[in-house]
Amino acid sequence: MNDNVYDNLPSDTPPHILKKQVEIIQSLPYSERLRIACGLSDFVYQQTMNMLRKKLKTTDDKLLKIAFVETVYKNDFSKEELDRIRTFFSKNDECF
């Protein structure tokens, strides 16, 4: 593995520690890596939703899920694409 990859990651963890963490994770069985990844994904989702509930002062699931998409994917879509996504989710209850 190329050590330089760890030098450019946005982290306060030193590159040699990141490298060791990756080695440990890669040594785990695939099923354990998947379990950890799913757990971390759920944790990030819950943390983001909690932050949005406080920021937006709402418990409306539809508004929160739209805000989640806008927050997480704001750099992946243009403003126009986000507007179309927002409109689609607003009109389609079955997406939630």
N, C-alpha and C. Protein backbone atom coordinates (compact mmCIF):
# COMPACT_ATOMS: atom_id res chain seq x y z
N MET A 1 0.84 -1.19 0.00
CA MET A 1 0.00 0.00 0.00
C MET A 1 0.88 1.25 0.00
N ASN A 2 0.48 2.24 -0.76
CA ASN A 2 1.25 3.47 -0.88
C ASN A 2 1.09 4.32 0.38
N ASP A 3 2.20 4.59 1.07
CA ASP A 3 2.16 5.39 2.31
C ASP A 3 1.70 6.82 2.06
N ASN A 4 1.94 7.36 0.86
CA ASN A 4 1.58 8.75 0.57
C ASN A 4 0.08 8.99 0.66
N VAL A 5 -0.71 7.97 0.47
CA VAL A 5 -2.17 8.11 0.53
C VAL A 5 -2.61 8.63 1.90
N TYR A 6 -1.91 8.28 2.94
CA TYR A 6 -2.27 8.68 4.31
C TYR A 6 -1.86 10.12 4.63
N ASP A 7 -0.96 10.68 3.85
CA ASP A 7 -0.49 12.04 4.11
C ASP A 7 -1.53 13.09 3.76
N ASN A 8 -2.46 12.78 2.86
CA ASN A 8 -3.41 13.78 2.37
C ASN A 8 -4.82 13.61 2.93
N LEU A 9 -5.02 12.69 3.85
CA LEU A 9 -6.35 12.49 4.41
C LEU A 9 -6.67 13.59 5.42
N PRO A 10 -7.93 14.09 5.43
CA PRO A 10 -8.30 15.11 6.41
C PRO A 10 -8.51 14.47 7.78
N SER A 11 -7.45 14.35 8.54
CA SER A 11 -7.53 13.66 9.82
C SER A 11 -6.50 14.25 10.78
N ASP A 12 -6.79 14.16 12.08
CA ASP A 12 -5.80 14.57 13.06
C ASP A 12 -4.98 13.37 13.54
N THR A 13 -5.23 12.21 12.93
CA THR A 13 -4.49 11.00 13.25
C THR A 13 -3.24 10.94 12.39
N PRO A 14 -2.08 10.70 12.97
CA PRO A 14 -0.85 10.63 12.18
C PRO A 14 -0.92 9.53 11.12
N PRO A 15 -0.28 9.76 9.97
CA PRO A 15 -0.33 8.79 8.87
C PRO A 15 0.09 7.38 9.26
N HIS A 16 1.11 7.22 10.11
CA HIS A 16 1.55 5.86 10.48
C HIS A 16 0.48 5.13 11.30
N ILE A 17 -0.32 5.87 12.06
CA ILE A 17 -1.42 5.27 12.82
C ILE A 17 -2.56 4.88 11.88
N LEU A 18 -2.88 5.77 10.93
CA LEU A 18 -3.91 5.45 9.93
C LEU A 18 -3.54 4.18 9.16
N LYS A 19 -2.28 4.08 8.79
CA LYS A 19 -1.83 2.89 8.06
C LYS A 19 -2.05 1.63 8.89
N LYS A 20 -1.71 1.70 10.17
CA LYS A 20 -1.89 0.54 11.05
C LYS A 20 -3.38 0.20 11.20
N GLN A 21 -4.23 1.22 11.34
CA GLN A 21 -5.67 0.99 11.43
C GLN A 21 -6.20 0.27 10.20
N VAL A 22 -5.75 0.71 9.02
CA VAL A 22 -6.18 0.07 7.77
C VAL A 22 -5.71 -1.38 7.73
N GLU A 23 -4.48 -1.62 8.15
CA GLU A 23 -3.96 -3.00 8.18
C GLU A 23 -4.81 -3.88 9.09
N ILE A 24 -5.18 -3.36 10.25
CA ILE A 24 -6.00 -4.14 11.19
C ILE A 24 -7.38 -4.42 10.58
N ILE A 25 -7.98 -3.41 10.02
CA ILE A 25 -9.32 -3.58 9.42
C ILE A 25 -9.26 -4.57 8.25
N GLN A 26 -8.23 -4.46 7.42
CA GLN A 26 -8.12 -5.36 6.27
C GLN A 26 -7.83 -6.80 6.69
N SER A 27 -7.33 -6.99 7.90
CA SER A 27 -7.06 -8.35 8.36
C SER A 27 -8.32 -9.04 8.89
N LEU A 28 -9.38 -8.28 9.09
CA LEU A 28 -10.64 -8.85 9.59
C LEU A 28 -11.36 -9.61 8.49
N PRO A 29 -12.16 -10.59 8.87
CA PRO A 29 -12.99 -11.26 7.86
C PRO A 29 -13.95 -10.25 7.22
N TYR A 30 -14.33 -10.53 5.97
CA TYR A 30 -15.21 -9.63 5.24
C TYR A 30 -16.50 -9.36 6.02
N SER A 31 -17.08 -10.38 6.62
CA SER A 31 -18.34 -10.19 7.34
C SER A 31 -18.19 -9.23 8.51
N GLU A 32 -17.05 -9.26 9.18
CA GLU A 32 -16.81 -8.35 10.29
C GLU A 32 -16.59 -6.93 9.79
N ARG A 33 -15.87 -6.78 8.68
CA ARG A 33 -15.69 -5.45 8.09
C ARG A 33 -17.03 -4.85 7.67
N LEU A 34 -17.89 -5.69 7.10
CA LEU A 34 -19.22 -5.23 6.69
C LEU A 34 -20.05 -4.83 7.90
N ARG A 35 -20.00 -5.62 8.97
CA ARG A 35 -20.74 -5.30 10.19
C ARG A 35 -20.28 -3.96 10.76
N ILE A 36 -18.98 -3.73 10.80
CA ILE A 36 -18.42 -2.48 11.32
C ILE A 36 -18.84 -1.31 10.42
N ALA A 37 -18.74 -1.49 9.10
CA ALA A 37 -19.10 -0.42 8.17
C ALA A 37 -20.58 -0.04 8.30
N CYS A 38 -21.43 -1.04 8.42
CA CYS A 38 -22.87 -0.77 8.57
C CYS A 38 -23.15 -0.04 9.89
N GLY A 39 -22.47 -0.46 10.94
CA GLY A 39 -22.63 0.20 12.24
C GLY A 39 -22.18 1.65 12.19
N LEU A 40 -21.05 1.90 11.54
CA LEU A 40 -20.56 3.27 11.43
C LEU A 40 -21.48 4.12 10.55
N SER A 41 -21.99 3.52 9.49
CA SER A 41 -22.92 4.24 8.62
C SER A 41 -24.18 4.64 9.40
N ASP A 42 -24.71 3.72 10.17
CA ASP A 42 -25.90 4.02 10.98
C ASP A 42 -25.59 5.09 12.02
N PHE A 43 -24.41 5.01 12.63
CA PHE A 43 -24.01 6.00 13.63
C PHE A 43 -23.94 7.40 13.02
N VAL A 44 -23.32 7.51 11.84
CA VAL A 44 -23.20 8.81 11.17
C VAL A 44 -24.59 9.34 10.80
N TYR A 45 -25.46 8.46 10.31
CA TYR A 45 -26.82 8.86 9.97
C TYR A 45 -27.54 9.40 11.20
N GLN A 46 -27.48 8.67 12.31
CA GLN A 46 -28.16 9.10 13.54
C GLN A 46 -27.59 10.42 14.06
N GLN A 47 -26.28 10.56 14.03
CA GLN A 47 -25.65 11.80 14.51
C GLN A 47 -26.08 12.99 13.64
N THR A 48 -26.10 12.78 12.33
CA THR A 48 -26.50 13.85 11.41
C THR A 48 -27.96 14.21 11.62
N MET A 49 -28.82 13.20 11.77
CA MET A 49 -30.24 13.48 12.00
C MET A 49 -30.44 14.22 13.32
N ASN A 50 -29.72 13.86 14.37
CA ASN A 50 -29.82 14.56 15.65
C ASN A 50 -29.40 16.02 15.50
N MET A 51 -28.32 16.26 14.75
CA MET A 51 -27.86 17.62 14.51
C MET A 51 -28.92 18.41 13.74
N LEU A 52 -29.53 17.78 12.74
CA LEU A 52 -30.55 18.48 11.95
C LEU A 52 -31.81 18.76 12.77
N ARG A 53 -32.21 17.84 13.65
CA ARG A 53 -33.38 18.09 14.51
C ARG A 53 -33.15 19.33 15.36
N LYS A 54 -31.96 19.45 15.92
CA LYS A 54 -31.64 20.62 16.76
C LYS A 54 -31.55 21.89 15.92
N LYS A 55 -30.88 21.79 14.79
CA LYS A 55 -30.68 22.96 13.94
C LYS A 55 -32.00 23.47 13.35
N LEU A 56 -32.84 22.55 12.87
CA LEU A 56 -34.08 22.94 12.21
C LEU A 56 -35.26 23.04 13.16
N LYS A 57 -35.07 22.58 14.39
CA LYS A 57 -36.12 22.60 15.40
C LYS A 57 -37.42 21.96 14.87
N THR A 58 -37.26 20.76 14.30
CA THR A 58 -38.42 20.04 13.78
C THR A 58 -38.24 18.54 14.03
N THR A 59 -39.37 17.85 14.07
CA THR A 59 -39.35 16.39 14.16
C THR A 59 -40.02 15.77 12.94
N ASP A 60 -40.34 16.60 11.95
CA ASP A 60 -40.99 16.12 10.73
C ASP A 60 -39.98 15.26 9.95
N ASP A 61 -40.27 13.96 9.87
CA ASP A 61 -39.35 13.02 9.23
C ASP A 61 -39.05 13.37 7.78
N LYS A 62 -40.08 13.78 7.05
CA LYS A 62 -39.88 14.10 5.63
C LYS A 62 -38.91 15.28 5.49
N LEU A 63 -39.13 16.35 6.25
CA LEU A 63 -38.23 17.51 6.19
C LEU A 63 -36.82 17.15 6.62
N LEU A 64 -36.72 16.32 7.66
CA LEU A 64 -35.39 15.92 8.14
C LEU A 64 -34.65 15.08 7.12
N LYS A 65 -35.36 14.18 6.44
CA LYS A 65 -34.70 13.33 5.45
C LYS A 65 -34.29 14.14 4.23
N ILE A 66 -35.09 15.11 3.84
CA ILE A 66 -34.70 16.00 2.75
C ILE A 66 -33.46 16.80 3.16
N ALA A 67 -33.47 17.32 4.38
CA ALA A 67 -32.32 18.08 4.88
C ALA A 67 -31.07 17.19 4.96
N PHE A 68 -31.27 15.91 5.30
CA PHE A 68 -30.15 14.98 5.35
C PHE A 68 -29.51 14.84 3.97
N VAL A 69 -30.33 14.63 2.96
CA VAL A 69 -29.81 14.49 1.58
C VAL A 69 -29.08 15.76 1.18
N GLU A 70 -29.68 16.91 1.48
CA GLU A 70 -29.05 18.18 1.12
C GLU A 70 -27.72 18.38 1.85
N THR A 71 -27.66 17.95 3.10
CA THR A 71 -26.44 18.12 3.89
C THR A 71 -25.33 17.18 3.44
N VAL A 72 -25.68 15.92 3.28
CA VAL A 72 -24.67 14.91 2.96
C VAL A 72 -24.20 15.00 1.52
N TYR A 73 -25.09 15.32 0.60
CA TYR A 73 -24.76 15.29 -0.82
C TYR A 73 -24.63 16.67 -1.46
N LYS A 74 -24.49 17.72 -0.64
CA LYS A 74 -24.46 19.08 -1.18
C LYS A 74 -23.31 19.31 -2.16
N ASN A 75 -22.22 18.57 -2.01
CA ASN A 75 -21.08 18.75 -2.92
C ASN A 75 -21.13 17.79 -4.12
N ASP A 76 -22.08 16.87 -4.10
CA ASP A 76 -22.17 15.87 -5.17
C ASP A 76 -23.17 16.23 -6.25
N PHE A 77 -24.06 17.19 -5.96
CA PHE A 77 -25.10 17.57 -6.91
C PHE A 77 -25.10 19.08 -7.10
N SER A 78 -25.49 19.51 -8.28
CA SER A 78 -25.64 20.95 -8.53
C SER A 78 -26.88 21.44 -7.78
N LYS A 79 -27.03 22.76 -7.69
CA LYS A 79 -28.22 23.33 -7.05
C LYS A 79 -29.48 22.86 -7.75
N GLU A 80 -29.44 22.81 -9.06
CA GLU A 80 -30.61 22.38 -9.84
C GLU A 80 -30.96 20.92 -9.54
N GLU A 81 -29.93 20.07 -9.47
CA GLU A 81 -30.18 18.66 -9.17
C GLU A 81 -30.75 18.49 -7.77
N LEU A 82 -30.21 19.24 -6.80
CA LEU A 82 -30.75 19.17 -5.43
C LEU A 82 -32.19 19.66 -5.40
N ASP A 83 -32.52 20.68 -6.19
CA ASP A 83 -33.91 21.15 -6.26
C ASP A 83 -34.82 20.05 -6.79
N ARG A 84 -34.37 19.33 -7.82
CA ARG A 84 -35.18 18.23 -8.38
C ARG A 84 -35.34 17.10 -7.37
N ILE A 85 -34.27 16.80 -6.65
CA ILE A 85 -34.33 15.75 -5.63
C ILE A 85 -35.31 16.16 -4.52
N ARG A 86 -35.19 17.41 -4.07
CA ARG A 86 -36.08 17.92 -3.03
C ARG A 86 -37.54 17.84 -3.48
N THR A 87 -37.81 18.26 -4.70
CA THR A 87 -39.17 18.21 -5.24
C THR A 87 -39.66 16.76 -5.32
N PHE A 88 -38.83 15.87 -5.80
CA PHE A 88 -39.20 14.46 -5.91
C PHE A 88 -39.56 13.89 -4.54
N PHE A 89 -38.71 14.11 -3.54
CA PHE A 89 -38.97 13.57 -2.21
C PHE A 89 -40.20 14.22 -1.57
N SER A 90 -40.41 15.48 -1.85
CA SER A 90 -41.57 16.18 -1.29
C SER A 90 -42.89 15.60 -1.80
N LYS A 91 -42.88 15.11 -3.03
CA LYS A 91 -44.10 14.60 -3.66
C LYS A 91 -44.30 13.12 -3.46
N ASN A 92 -43.30 12.39 -3.01
CA ASN A 92 -43.36 10.93 -2.96
C ASN A 92 -43.16 10.41 -1.54
N ASP A 93 -44.26 10.17 -0.84
CA ASP A 93 -44.18 9.65 0.53
C ASP A 93 -43.57 8.26 0.59
N GLU A 94 -43.79 7.46 -0.46
CA GLU A 94 -43.32 6.07 -0.41
C GLU A 94 -41.78 5.95 -0.44
N CYS A 95 -41.09 7.05 -0.70
CA CYS A 95 -39.61 7.01 -0.70
C CYS A 95 -39.06 6.94 0.72
N PHE A 96 -39.91 7.17 1.67
CA PHE A 96 -39.45 7.19 3.05
C PHE A 96 -39.98 5.98 3.73
